[in-house]
Amino acid sequence: MTYALDTNIISFLLRPSQNQDVVGRFEKAIEQGASYVIPPICFYEISWYLQRKAAKAQLKVLESLYRNSAAKLNMGEAEFVLAAKIKAQLENQGTPIGAKDADIFIAAYCIVNDCTLITDNTKDFERIEGLNCANWKG
């Protein structure tokens, strides 16, 4: 099984003393042979935030998480085509995901690359057809 770590989950992993539940589930999954990836959009969101805050120690942890991830999967045409379909479908159903296209790209990335998204934002993501997601918080 390959898990994709959403931005909020990465943020929890960067603050382990405050998020033992997430850290414990992450470590257990890895011990049991699961692998993980960091979607490019999530890496961008966290990296931007940490650089803006000059959080050098957390940037090093993020870089380590990224280096140790299963693959450095890039986003390509398939993800962008699927993201456009997801956004149109949600808007046509009257259930858009706010103004945050990043979540749509993250979902498309997970579907195309057959990953289960680990997120603390299941409310928005569970409406996306074909996306497997789980919440490790709490």
N, C-alpha and C. Protein backbone atom coordinates (compact mmCIF):
# COMPACT_ATOMS: atom_id res chain seq x y z
N MET A 1 0.84 -1.17 0.00
CA MET A 1 0.00 0.00 0.00
C MET A 1 0.89 1.23 0.00
N THR A 2 0.49 2.21 -0.81
CA THR A 2 1.20 3.48 -0.84
C THR A 2 0.27 4.58 -0.36
N TYR A 3 0.74 5.31 0.62
CA TYR A 3 -0.01 6.43 1.17
C TYR A 3 0.55 7.73 0.62
N ALA A 4 -0.34 8.65 0.30
CA ALA A 4 0.06 10.01 -0.07
C ALA A 4 -0.26 10.90 1.11
N LEU A 5 0.70 11.67 1.54
CA LEU A 5 0.53 12.52 2.72
C LEU A 5 0.05 13.90 2.32
N ASP A 6 -1.14 14.27 2.80
CA ASP A 6 -1.68 15.59 2.54
C ASP A 6 -0.88 16.63 3.32
N THR A 7 -1.01 17.86 2.92
CA THR A 7 -0.28 18.96 3.53
C THR A 7 -0.48 19.00 5.05
N ASN A 8 -1.72 18.82 5.50
CA ASN A 8 -1.95 18.91 6.95
C ASN A 8 -1.31 17.75 7.70
N ILE A 9 -1.21 16.59 7.09
CA ILE A 9 -0.56 15.45 7.74
C ILE A 9 0.95 15.68 7.83
N ILE A 10 1.52 16.22 6.77
CA ILE A 10 2.95 16.55 6.81
C ILE A 10 3.21 17.56 7.92
N SER A 11 2.34 18.52 8.02
CA SER A 11 2.48 19.53 9.06
C SER A 11 2.44 18.90 10.45
N PHE A 12 1.57 17.89 10.63
CA PHE A 12 1.52 17.18 11.92
C PHE A 12 2.82 16.43 12.17
N LEU A 13 3.37 15.81 11.13
CA LEU A 13 4.63 15.07 11.28
C LEU A 13 5.80 15.99 11.61
N LEU A 14 5.70 17.23 11.22
CA LEU A 14 6.75 18.20 11.52
C LEU A 14 6.68 18.72 12.95
N ARG A 15 5.58 18.41 13.64
CA ARG A 15 5.39 18.79 15.04
C ARG A 15 5.03 17.54 15.83
N PRO A 16 5.95 16.59 15.94
CA PRO A 16 5.62 15.28 16.51
C PRO A 16 5.16 15.33 17.97
N SER A 17 5.70 16.22 18.77
CA SER A 17 5.31 16.23 20.19
C SER A 17 3.84 16.60 20.36
N GLN A 18 3.28 17.32 19.41
CA GLN A 18 1.88 17.74 19.49
C GLN A 18 0.94 16.79 18.76
N ASN A 19 1.49 15.84 18.03
CA ASN A 19 0.67 14.99 17.16
C ASN A 19 1.08 13.53 17.22
N GLN A 20 1.17 13.00 18.44
CA GLN A 20 1.63 11.62 18.62
C GLN A 20 0.72 10.61 17.93
N ASP A 21 -0.57 10.90 17.82
CA ASP A 21 -1.49 9.97 17.16
C ASP A 21 -1.11 9.79 15.69
N VAL A 22 -0.86 10.88 15.00
CA VAL A 22 -0.49 10.81 13.58
C VAL A 22 0.89 10.18 13.41
N VAL A 23 1.83 10.61 14.22
CA VAL A 23 3.19 10.06 14.14
C VAL A 23 3.17 8.55 14.39
N GLY A 24 2.41 8.12 15.39
CA GLY A 24 2.32 6.69 15.70
C GLY A 24 1.73 5.90 14.55
N ARG A 25 0.68 6.39 13.95
CA ARG A 25 0.07 5.68 12.81
C ARG A 25 1.00 5.65 11.61
N PHE A 26 1.71 6.75 11.39
CA PHE A 26 2.67 6.81 10.28
C PHE A 26 3.78 5.78 10.50
N GLU A 27 4.36 5.78 11.68
CA GLU A 27 5.45 4.83 11.98
C GLU A 27 4.97 3.39 11.89
N LYS A 28 3.78 3.11 12.38
CA LYS A 28 3.23 1.75 12.32
C LYS A 28 3.03 1.30 10.87
N ALA A 29 2.50 2.19 10.04
CA ALA A 29 2.29 1.86 8.63
C ALA A 29 3.61 1.53 7.94
N ILE A 30 4.64 2.31 8.22
CA ILE A 30 5.96 2.08 7.61
C ILE A 30 6.53 0.76 8.11
N GLU A 31 6.41 0.49 9.41
CA GLU A 31 6.89 -0.78 9.98
C GLU A 31 6.21 -1.98 9.35
N GLN A 32 4.94 -1.81 8.96
CA GLN A 32 4.18 -2.90 8.36
C GLN A 32 4.38 -3.00 6.85
N GLY A 33 5.31 -2.23 6.31
CA GLY A 33 5.67 -2.36 4.91
C GLY A 33 5.01 -1.38 3.95
N ALA A 34 4.23 -0.45 4.46
CA ALA A 34 3.62 0.55 3.59
C ALA A 34 4.70 1.53 3.14
N SER A 35 4.45 2.15 2.02
CA SER A 35 5.33 3.22 1.56
C SER A 35 4.51 4.50 1.47
N TYR A 36 5.20 5.60 1.31
CA TYR A 36 4.49 6.88 1.23
C TYR A 36 5.11 7.76 0.17
N VAL A 37 4.30 8.66 -0.33
CA VAL A 37 4.76 9.69 -1.26
C VAL A 37 4.25 11.04 -0.75
N ILE A 38 4.92 12.06 -1.19
CA ILE A 38 4.48 13.42 -0.90
C ILE A 38 4.10 14.04 -2.24
N PRO A 39 2.80 14.26 -2.45
CA PRO A 39 2.40 14.87 -3.72
C PRO A 39 3.11 16.20 -3.93
N PRO A 40 3.50 16.49 -5.17
CA PRO A 40 4.24 17.73 -5.44
C PRO A 40 3.56 18.99 -4.92
N ILE A 41 2.24 19.05 -5.01
CA ILE A 41 1.51 20.23 -4.52
C ILE A 41 1.68 20.36 -3.00
N CYS A 42 1.64 19.26 -2.29
CA CYS A 42 1.82 19.28 -0.83
C CYS A 42 3.23 19.71 -0.46
N PHE A 43 4.22 19.18 -1.19
CA PHE A 43 5.61 19.57 -0.94
C PHE A 43 5.76 21.08 -1.14
N TYR A 44 5.17 21.59 -2.20
CA TYR A 44 5.22 23.02 -2.48
C TYR A 44 4.57 23.82 -1.35
N GLU A 45 3.36 23.43 -0.93
CA GLU A 45 2.64 24.18 0.10
C GLU A 45 3.43 24.24 1.41
N ILE A 46 3.94 23.10 1.85
CA ILE A 46 4.69 23.06 3.12
C ILE A 46 6.03 23.78 2.98
N SER A 47 6.73 23.53 1.89
CA SER A 47 8.03 24.16 1.69
C SER A 47 7.91 25.69 1.66
N TRP A 48 6.91 26.18 0.95
CA TRP A 48 6.69 27.62 0.88
C TRP A 48 6.44 28.20 2.28
N TYR A 49 5.58 27.56 3.04
CA TYR A 49 5.24 28.04 4.37
C TYR A 49 6.47 28.05 5.28
N LEU A 50 7.24 26.96 5.26
CA LEU A 50 8.41 26.87 6.13
C LEU A 50 9.49 27.87 5.73
N GLN A 51 9.65 28.07 4.43
CA GLN A 51 10.64 29.06 3.98
C GLN A 51 10.21 30.48 4.37
N ARG A 52 8.92 30.75 4.25
CA ARG A 52 8.41 32.06 4.64
C ARG A 52 8.65 32.33 6.11
N LYS A 53 8.53 31.28 6.94
CA LYS A 53 8.73 31.41 8.38
C LYS A 53 10.19 31.21 8.79
N ALA A 54 11.06 30.93 7.82
CA ALA A 54 12.47 30.66 8.10
C ALA A 54 12.63 29.54 9.13
N ALA A 55 11.81 28.51 8.99
CA ALA A 55 11.81 27.37 9.92
C ALA A 55 12.82 26.33 9.43
N LYS A 56 14.08 26.60 9.63
CA LYS A 56 15.16 25.77 9.08
C LYS A 56 15.13 24.33 9.59
N ALA A 57 14.86 24.15 10.86
CA ALA A 57 14.84 22.80 11.42
C ALA A 57 13.72 21.97 10.79
N GLN A 58 12.55 22.56 10.66
CA GLN A 58 11.43 21.85 10.05
C GLN A 58 11.66 21.62 8.56
N LEU A 59 12.34 22.54 7.88
CA LEU A 59 12.68 22.33 6.47
C LEU A 59 13.58 21.11 6.31
N LYS A 60 14.51 20.92 7.24
CA LYS A 60 15.38 19.74 7.18
C LYS A 60 14.58 18.46 7.37
N VAL A 61 13.60 18.48 8.28
CA VAL A 61 12.74 17.30 8.48
C VAL A 61 11.92 17.04 7.22
N LEU A 62 11.38 18.09 6.63
CA LEU A 62 10.61 17.94 5.39
C LEU A 62 11.48 17.34 4.29
N GLU A 63 12.68 17.84 4.13
CA GLU A 63 13.58 17.31 3.10
C GLU A 63 13.90 15.85 3.36
N SER A 64 14.06 15.46 4.62
CA SER A 64 14.30 14.07 4.96
C SER A 64 13.09 13.21 4.63
N LEU A 65 11.90 13.67 4.98
CA LEU A 65 10.68 12.95 4.63
C LEU A 65 10.59 12.75 3.11
N TYR A 66 10.89 13.80 2.37
CA TYR A 66 10.82 13.73 0.92
C TYR A 66 11.86 12.75 0.36
N ARG A 67 13.09 12.84 0.86
CA ARG A 67 14.16 11.94 0.39
C ARG A 67 13.81 10.48 0.66
N ASN A 68 13.14 10.21 1.77
CA ASN A 68 12.81 8.84 2.16
C ASN A 68 11.47 8.35 1.61
N SER A 69 10.79 9.19 0.86
CA SER A 69 9.51 8.77 0.29
C SER A 69 9.75 7.74 -0.81
N ALA A 70 8.71 6.98 -1.11
CA ALA A 70 8.81 5.86 -2.05
C ALA A 70 9.24 6.29 -3.44
N ALA A 71 8.75 7.41 -3.86
CA ALA A 71 9.05 7.86 -5.22
C ALA A 71 8.92 9.36 -5.29
N LYS A 72 9.59 9.90 -6.24
CA LYS A 72 9.47 11.33 -6.51
C LYS A 72 8.58 11.46 -7.74
N LEU A 73 7.30 11.26 -7.52
CA LEU A 73 6.35 11.26 -8.63
C LEU A 73 5.98 12.69 -9.00
N ASN A 74 6.13 12.99 -10.27
CA ASN A 74 5.75 14.31 -10.76
C ASN A 74 4.32 14.30 -11.25
N MET A 75 3.78 15.47 -11.41
CA MET A 75 2.44 15.58 -11.98
C MET A 75 2.58 15.78 -13.48
N GLY A 76 1.75 15.08 -14.20
CA GLY A 76 1.79 15.17 -15.66
C GLY A 76 0.41 15.40 -16.22
N GLU A 77 0.30 15.15 -17.51
CA GLU A 77 -0.94 15.41 -18.23
C GLU A 77 -2.13 14.66 -17.62
N ALA A 78 -1.94 13.40 -17.24
CA ALA A 78 -3.06 12.61 -16.70
C ALA A 78 -3.65 13.26 -15.46
N GLU A 79 -2.80 13.77 -14.57
CA GLU A 79 -3.29 14.40 -13.35
C GLU A 79 -4.04 15.70 -13.66
N PHE A 80 -3.53 16.48 -14.60
CA PHE A 80 -4.19 17.74 -14.93
C PHE A 80 -5.53 17.52 -15.63
N VAL A 81 -5.59 16.53 -16.52
CA VAL A 81 -6.85 16.20 -17.19
C VAL A 81 -7.87 15.73 -16.17
N LEU A 82 -7.46 14.84 -15.27
CA LEU A 82 -8.38 14.34 -14.24
C LEU A 82 -8.80 15.46 -13.29
N ALA A 83 -7.89 16.33 -12.91
CA ALA A 83 -8.23 17.45 -12.02
C ALA A 83 -9.32 18.32 -12.64
N ALA A 84 -9.21 18.59 -13.93
CA ALA A 84 -10.23 19.39 -14.61
C ALA A 84 -11.58 18.69 -14.58
N LYS A 85 -11.58 17.36 -14.79
CA LYS A 85 -12.83 16.60 -14.75
C LYS A 85 -13.44 16.61 -13.35
N ILE A 86 -12.61 16.44 -12.33
CA ILE A 86 -13.09 16.45 -10.95
C ILE A 86 -13.71 17.80 -10.62
N LYS A 87 -13.02 18.87 -10.96
CA LYS A 87 -13.53 20.20 -10.65
C LYS A 87 -14.86 20.45 -11.35
N ALA A 88 -14.95 20.09 -12.62
CA ALA A 88 -16.19 20.29 -13.37
C ALA A 88 -17.32 19.46 -12.76
N GLN A 89 -17.02 18.21 -12.42
CA GLN A 89 -18.05 17.33 -11.84
C GLN A 89 -18.57 17.89 -10.52
N LEU A 90 -17.67 18.33 -9.65
CA LEU A 90 -18.09 18.87 -8.36
C LEU A 90 -18.90 20.16 -8.53
N GLU A 91 -18.47 21.01 -9.44
CA GLU A 91 -19.22 22.25 -9.69
C GLU A 91 -20.59 21.95 -10.27
N ASN A 92 -20.65 21.00 -11.20
CA ASN A 92 -21.94 20.63 -11.81
C ASN A 92 -22.89 20.02 -10.78
N GLN A 93 -22.35 19.37 -9.76
CA GLN A 93 -23.17 18.79 -8.69
C GLN A 93 -23.54 19.83 -7.64
N GLY A 94 -22.96 21.02 -7.75
CA GLY A 94 -23.21 22.06 -6.77
C GLY A 94 -22.45 21.85 -5.47
N THR A 95 -21.36 21.06 -5.53
CA THR A 95 -20.56 20.79 -4.33
C THR A 95 -19.08 21.07 -4.58
N PRO A 96 -18.74 22.27 -5.03
CA PRO A 96 -17.33 22.55 -5.31
C PRO A 96 -16.49 22.56 -4.03
N ILE A 97 -15.20 22.39 -4.20
CA ILE A 97 -14.27 22.45 -3.07
C ILE A 97 -13.73 23.88 -3.01
N GLY A 98 -14.52 24.77 -2.53
CA GLY A 98 -14.12 26.16 -2.34
C GLY A 98 -13.29 26.71 -3.48
N ALA A 99 -12.36 27.57 -3.13
CA ALA A 99 -11.50 28.18 -4.13
C ALA A 99 -10.14 27.51 -4.15
N LYS A 100 -10.01 26.37 -3.50
CA LYS A 100 -8.70 25.74 -3.34
C LYS A 100 -8.49 24.62 -4.35
N ASP A 101 -7.97 24.99 -5.52
CA ASP A 101 -7.70 24.00 -6.55
C ASP A 101 -6.61 23.02 -6.13
N ALA A 102 -5.77 23.40 -5.18
CA ALA A 102 -4.69 22.51 -4.75
C ALA A 102 -5.24 21.16 -4.31
N ASP A 103 -6.36 21.16 -3.59
CA ASP A 103 -6.95 19.90 -3.13
C ASP A 103 -7.40 19.03 -4.31
N ILE A 104 -7.87 19.65 -5.35
CA ILE A 104 -8.29 18.90 -6.53
C ILE A 104 -7.08 18.27 -7.21
N PHE A 105 -5.98 19.01 -7.29
CA PHE A 105 -4.76 18.45 -7.88
C PHE A 105 -4.21 17.31 -7.02
N ILE A 106 -4.29 17.45 -5.72
CA ILE A 106 -3.83 16.40 -4.81
C ILE A 106 -4.67 15.14 -5.01
N ALA A 107 -5.98 15.30 -5.11
CA ALA A 107 -6.87 14.16 -5.34
C ALA A 107 -6.56 13.48 -6.67
N ALA A 108 -6.40 14.26 -7.71
CA ALA A 108 -6.10 13.70 -9.04
C ALA A 108 -4.77 12.95 -9.00
N TYR A 109 -3.79 13.51 -8.33
CA TYR A 109 -2.48 12.86 -8.19
C TYR A 109 -2.64 11.49 -7.53
N CYS A 110 -3.43 11.44 -6.47
CA CYS A 110 -3.62 10.18 -5.73
C CYS A 110 -4.36 9.15 -6.57
N ILE A 111 -5.37 9.56 -7.29
CA ILE A 111 -6.13 8.62 -8.11
C ILE A 111 -5.26 8.07 -9.23
N VAL A 112 -4.58 8.94 -9.95
CA VAL A 112 -3.74 8.51 -11.08
C VAL A 112 -2.62 7.59 -10.62
N ASN A 113 -2.04 7.88 -9.45
CA ASN A 113 -0.90 7.11 -8.96
C ASN A 113 -1.29 6.01 -7.97
N ASP A 114 -2.58 5.76 -7.83
CA ASP A 114 -3.12 4.68 -7.00
C ASP A 114 -2.61 4.74 -5.56
N CYS A 115 -2.76 5.91 -4.95
CA CYS A 115 -2.35 6.12 -3.56
C CYS A 115 -3.57 6.39 -2.70
N THR A 116 -3.51 6.00 -1.45
CA THR A 116 -4.53 6.39 -0.48
C THR A 116 -4.09 7.68 0.17
N LEU A 117 -4.93 8.70 0.08
CA LEU A 117 -4.60 10.00 0.66
C LEU A 117 -4.85 9.98 2.16
N ILE A 118 -3.84 10.36 2.92
CA ILE A 118 -3.96 10.50 4.36
C ILE A 118 -4.14 11.99 4.62
N THR A 119 -5.28 12.35 5.21
CA THR A 119 -5.62 13.76 5.37
C THR A 119 -6.45 13.97 6.63
N ASP A 120 -6.42 15.18 7.12
CA ASP A 120 -7.31 15.57 8.21
C ASP A 120 -8.49 16.37 7.64
N ASN A 121 -8.64 16.33 6.32
CA ASN A 121 -9.68 17.08 5.62
C ASN A 121 -10.55 16.13 4.80
N THR A 122 -11.05 15.09 5.43
CA THR A 122 -11.84 14.12 4.69
C THR A 122 -13.16 14.71 4.20
N LYS A 123 -13.65 15.75 4.84
CA LYS A 123 -14.93 16.35 4.47
C LYS A 123 -14.96 16.73 2.98
N ASP A 124 -13.94 17.41 2.51
CA ASP A 124 -13.89 17.79 1.10
C ASP A 124 -13.50 16.62 0.21
N PHE A 125 -12.51 15.87 0.63
CA PHE A 125 -11.97 14.83 -0.24
C PHE A 125 -12.92 13.64 -0.46
N GLU A 126 -13.75 13.32 0.53
CA GLU A 126 -14.60 12.13 0.38
C GLU A 126 -15.66 12.29 -0.69
N ARG A 127 -15.87 13.49 -1.18
CA ARG A 127 -16.84 13.72 -2.26
C ARG A 127 -16.26 13.41 -3.64
N ILE A 128 -14.97 13.12 -3.71
CA ILE A 128 -14.33 12.91 -5.00
C ILE A 128 -14.37 11.43 -5.35
N GLU A 129 -15.06 11.14 -6.42
CA GLU A 129 -15.24 9.76 -6.88
C GLU A 129 -13.90 9.12 -7.25
N GLY A 130 -13.67 7.93 -6.74
CA GLY A 130 -12.46 7.18 -7.07
C GLY A 130 -11.28 7.46 -6.17
N LEU A 131 -11.43 8.38 -5.22
CA LEU A 131 -10.33 8.71 -4.31
C LEU A 131 -10.49 7.93 -3.02
N ASN A 132 -9.43 7.24 -2.62
CA ASN A 132 -9.39 6.56 -1.32
C ASN A 132 -8.68 7.50 -0.35
N CYS A 133 -9.33 7.76 0.77
CA CYS A 133 -8.67 8.62 1.75
C CYS A 133 -8.98 8.12 3.16
N ALA A 134 -8.10 8.50 4.07
CA ALA A 134 -8.25 8.11 5.47
C ALA A 134 -7.72 9.25 6.33
N ASN A 135 -8.19 9.29 7.57
CA ASN A 135 -7.76 10.31 8.52
C ASN A 135 -7.02 9.62 9.65
N TRP A 136 -5.77 10.01 9.87
CA TRP A 136 -4.97 9.45 10.96
C TRP A 136 -5.00 10.34 12.19
N LYS A 137 -5.74 11.39 12.16
CA LYS A 137 -5.80 12.31 13.30
C LYS A 137 -6.92 11.86 14.23
N GLY A 138 -6.59 11.65 15.48
CA GLY A 138 -7.59 11.34 16.49
C GLY A 138 -8.06 9.93 16.57
